[in-house]
Amino acid sequence: MSESVADPDIPGIFQDALRSIRSVEIRPELVVQEIPAPENLAPYSFALAAEVLGATRPDGSEHGQGRFVLLYDPAEPEAWGSAFRVICFVQAPIEQEMGVDPFVASVAWSWLIDALNGRDAKFGAASGTATKVISTGFGELAAQGDGSQLELRASWSPHESRLDAHVEGWGELLCMLAGLPPTEEGVTMINSRRSARG
């Protein structure tokens, strides 16, 4: 990610956070770029978009995509418990049999928490939703057959201005949802959990 010149109108602690984000070494399977941040959520914000590299899938969908938004409010909103708040989104197509697995959503949430904890990210007030979408094509889309995707929306409050671990955790989650192996030890893939339950 590119470096930028310090802006004297931006608080130093937020500039520190941006420097730590831009110093992250992203997994090679990801393409990450800065995008316009949403407005009116906080006095200061920053956003990234990511896509998982790879050929387009047979159904025309991508392997996975995500967004990472950093909010900074010096007033430290009570609901945040911090001056920082991260909002993230990840989405990836999954195998049809995984789409009907009642545990797949909770596994995705545990992957996020494990990815953050595994990098010693300091955070609190974590919340989120996992959504499974199962679709069936009809008419001219019938040839695509059935499809499934998993989407996770989450937010948490970093308790530090160094956010490299938080961005790395988000990237790890996106890659794992897309079916890539984890880089952290002790993390189990969904397929392994399914076979373990027999």
Protein backbone atom coordinates (compact mmCIF):
# COMPACT_ATOMS: atom_id res chain seq x y z
CA MET A 1 0.00 0.00 0.00
CA SER A 2 1.19 3.49 -0.75
CA GLU A 3 2.60 5.99 1.67
CA SER A 4 1.13 9.48 1.94
CA VAL A 5 2.47 12.78 3.21
CA ALA A 6 1.38 13.72 6.73
CA ASP A 7 -1.50 16.20 6.83
CA PRO A 8 -1.23 18.74 9.67
CA ASP A 9 -5.06 18.87 9.87
CA ILE A 10 -5.26 15.17 10.76
CA PRO A 11 -4.63 14.18 14.42
CA GLY A 12 -1.28 12.52 15.01
CA ILE A 13 -2.79 9.36 16.49
CA PHE A 14 -4.92 8.85 13.38
CA GLN A 15 -1.88 9.43 11.17
CA ASP A 16 -0.04 6.79 13.22
CA ALA A 17 -2.91 4.39 12.59
CA LEU A 18 -2.80 5.05 8.85
CA ARG A 19 0.97 4.53 8.75
CA SER A 20 0.60 1.18 10.50
CA ILE A 21 -2.12 0.12 8.03
CA ARG A 22 -0.04 1.13 5.02
CA SER A 23 2.93 -0.85 6.34
CA VAL A 24 1.02 -4.15 6.41
CA GLU A 25 2.36 -7.02 4.32
CA ILE A 26 -0.81 -8.45 2.82
CA ARG A 27 -1.09 -12.11 1.82
CA PRO A 28 -0.05 -12.49 -1.84
CA GLU A 29 -3.46 -13.93 -2.73
CA LEU A 30 -5.09 -10.56 -2.03
CA VAL A 31 -5.26 -7.36 -4.05
CA VAL A 32 -5.86 -4.47 -1.64
CA GLN A 33 -6.42 -0.82 -2.47
CA GLU A 34 -7.50 2.32 -0.68
CA ILE A 35 -11.02 3.49 -1.52
CA PRO A 36 -13.10 6.51 -0.50
CA ALA A 37 -14.24 6.11 3.09
CA PRO A 38 -17.91 6.48 4.03
CA GLU A 39 -18.81 9.95 5.21
CA ASN A 40 -20.68 11.10 8.33
CA LEU A 41 -19.81 8.04 10.42
CA ALA A 42 -16.97 9.72 12.31
CA PRO A 43 -14.83 12.86 12.11
CA TYR A 44 -12.03 10.84 10.48
CA SER A 45 -12.24 7.66 8.42
CA PHE A 46 -10.23 5.47 6.09
CA ALA A 47 -11.19 2.49 3.94
CA LEU A 48 -9.68 -0.44 2.06
CA ALA A 49 -11.15 -2.85 -0.49
CA ALA A 50 -9.77 -6.31 -1.19
CA GLU A 51 -10.32 -9.08 -3.71
CA VAL A 52 -8.98 -12.62 -3.67
CA LEU A 53 -6.81 -13.32 -6.70
CA GLY A 54 -7.73 -16.14 -9.05
CA ALA A 55 -9.61 -16.89 -12.21
CA THR A 56 -13.32 -16.16 -12.19
CA ARG A 57 -15.34 -19.13 -10.93
CA PRO A 58 -17.51 -21.16 -13.33
CA ASP A 59 -20.65 -19.36 -12.17
CA GLY A 60 -19.07 -15.99 -13.00
CA SER A 61 -18.54 -14.95 -9.38
CA GLU A 62 -15.30 -13.82 -7.80
CA HIS A 63 -13.41 -15.85 -5.20
CA GLY A 64 -14.06 -13.34 -2.45
CA GLN A 65 -14.11 -9.66 -1.64
CA GLY A 66 -14.07 -7.45 1.41
CA ARG A 67 -14.02 -3.97 2.88
CA PHE A 68 -12.16 -2.62 5.91
CA VAL A 69 -13.22 0.76 7.33
CA LEU A 70 -11.42 2.56 10.15
CA LEU A 71 -13.29 5.25 12.06
CA TYR A 72 -11.69 7.69 14.48
CA ASP A 73 -13.57 9.98 16.87
CA PRO A 74 -11.47 11.81 19.49
CA ALA A 75 -14.63 12.08 21.66
CA GLU A 76 -14.51 8.29 22.20
CA PRO A 77 -18.22 7.42 21.79
CA GLU A 78 -19.51 5.44 24.74
CA ALA A 79 -20.72 2.58 22.54
CA TRP A 80 -17.23 2.18 21.09
CA GLY A 81 -15.28 2.25 24.35
CA SER A 82 -12.40 3.63 22.28
CA ALA A 83 -11.56 6.46 19.91
CA PHE A 84 -11.26 3.88 17.11
CA ARG A 85 -13.84 1.61 15.52
CA VAL A 86 -13.31 -0.90 12.72
CA ILE A 87 -16.14 -2.00 10.45
CA CYS A 88 -15.41 -4.87 8.11
CA PHE A 89 -17.22 -6.88 5.51
CA VAL A 90 -16.15 -10.11 3.79
CA GLN A 91 -18.03 -12.19 1.25
CA ALA A 92 -17.14 -15.35 -0.64
CA PRO A 93 -18.93 -18.12 -2.53
CA ILE A 94 -18.90 -21.46 -0.73
CA GLU A 95 -19.74 -25.02 -1.69
CA GLN A 96 -23.45 -25.86 -1.70
CA GLU A 97 -23.11 -28.46 1.08
CA MET A 98 -21.39 -25.87 3.25
CA GLY A 99 -24.22 -23.43 2.63
CA VAL A 100 -26.66 -25.71 4.43
CA ASP A 101 -24.23 -26.48 7.28
CA PRO A 102 -25.80 -24.98 10.44
CA PHE A 103 -22.33 -24.36 11.92
CA VAL A 104 -20.70 -22.52 9.03
CA ALA A 105 -21.73 -19.04 10.24
CA SER A 106 -20.35 -19.57 13.74
CA VAL A 107 -17.14 -21.00 12.29
CA ALA A 108 -16.67 -17.84 10.19
CA TRP A 109 -17.11 -15.65 13.28
CA SER A 110 -14.60 -17.76 15.21
CA TRP A 111 -12.12 -17.40 12.35
CA LEU A 112 -12.26 -13.61 12.70
CA ILE A 113 -11.75 -13.65 16.47
CA ASP A 114 -8.97 -16.25 16.15
CA ALA A 115 -7.26 -14.22 13.40
CA LEU A 116 -7.27 -11.09 15.57
CA ASN A 117 -6.22 -12.89 18.76
CA GLY A 118 -3.55 -14.83 16.90
CA ARG A 119 -1.91 -11.55 15.94
CA ASP A 120 -2.27 -10.14 19.45
CA ALA A 121 -4.64 -7.40 18.28
CA LYS A 122 -6.05 -5.46 21.25
CA PHE A 123 -9.79 -4.86 20.85
CA GLY A 124 -13.18 -4.92 22.54
CA ALA A 125 -16.89 -4.49 21.87
CA ALA A 126 -16.84 -6.94 18.98
CA SER A 127 -20.14 -7.58 17.20
CA GLY A 128 -21.31 -8.88 13.88
CA THR A 129 -23.64 -10.92 11.73
CA ALA A 130 -22.99 -13.87 9.44
CA THR A 131 -25.37 -14.45 6.55
CA LYS A 132 -25.64 -17.55 4.37
CA VAL A 133 -27.28 -17.09 0.97
CA ILE A 134 -28.42 -20.09 -1.06
CA SER A 135 -29.60 -19.36 -4.58
CA THR A 136 -31.11 -21.33 -7.44
CA GLY A 137 -31.03 -20.09 -11.03
CA PHE A 138 -34.11 -20.20 -13.28
CA GLY A 139 -34.76 -19.41 -16.91
CA GLU A 140 -31.61 -18.20 -18.61
CA LEU A 141 -29.75 -18.52 -15.29
CA ALA A 142 -30.75 -22.18 -14.82
CA ALA A 143 -27.43 -23.34 -16.29
CA GLN A 144 -25.64 -21.80 -13.30
CA GLY A 145 -27.43 -24.23 -11.01
CA ASP A 146 -27.47 -23.76 -7.26
CA GLY A 147 -25.00 -21.53 -5.47
CA SER A 148 -24.12 -20.48 -1.95
CA GLN A 149 -22.20 -17.63 -0.42
CA LEU A 150 -21.24 -16.58 3.05
CA GLU A 151 -21.08 -12.99 4.18
CA LEU A 152 -19.72 -11.66 7.46
CA ARG A 153 -20.21 -8.10 8.69
CA ALA A 154 -18.36 -7.24 11.87
CA SER A 155 -17.14 -4.34 13.94
CA TRP A 156 -14.85 -3.95 16.91
CA SER A 157 -13.01 -1.24 18.83
CA PRO A 158 -9.21 -1.33 18.63
CA HIS A 159 -7.51 -0.39 21.90
CA GLU A 160 -4.35 0.73 20.10
CA SER A 161 -3.31 3.01 17.27
CA ARG A 162 -1.19 0.34 15.57
CA LEU A 163 -3.69 -1.42 13.36
CA ASP A 164 -1.51 -3.71 11.27
CA ALA A 165 -2.67 -6.77 13.23
CA HIS A 166 -6.31 -5.79 12.66
CA VAL A 167 -5.85 -5.45 8.90
CA GLU A 168 -3.92 -8.73 8.76
CA GLY A 169 -6.71 -10.49 10.65
CA TRP A 170 -9.32 -9.15 8.23
CA GLY A 171 -7.25 -10.29 5.24
CA GLU A 172 -6.77 -13.72 6.79
CA LEU A 173 -10.52 -14.09 7.29
CA LEU A 174 -11.25 -13.17 3.68
CA CYS A 175 -8.71 -15.68 2.36
CA MET A 176 -10.07 -18.45 4.56
CA LEU A 177 -13.65 -17.80 3.46
CA ALA A 178 -12.40 -18.07 -0.12
CA GLY A 179 -11.05 -21.53 0.68
CA LEU A 180 -7.35 -20.71 1.10
CA PRO A 181 -5.44 -22.39 3.92
CA PRO A 182 -4.85 -20.41 7.13
CA THR A 183 -1.44 -18.95 7.90
CA GLU A 184 -1.98 -19.33 11.65
CA GLU A 185 -1.47 -22.65 13.41
CA GLY A 186 -4.39 -24.17 15.25
CA VAL A 187 -7.06 -22.91 12.83
CA THR A 188 -9.26 -25.59 11.27
CA MET A 189 -10.85 -25.37 7.83
CA ILE A 190 -14.61 -25.86 7.49
CA ASN A 191 -14.18 -29.07 5.47
CA SER A 192 -12.03 -30.54 8.25
CA ARG A 193 -14.66 -29.73 10.84
CA ARG A 194 -17.36 -31.31 8.70
CA SER A 195 -15.46 -34.58 8.32
CA ALA A 196 -14.60 -34.62 12.02
CA ARG A 197 -18.34 -34.57 12.85
CA GLY A 198 -18.78 -37.50 10.46
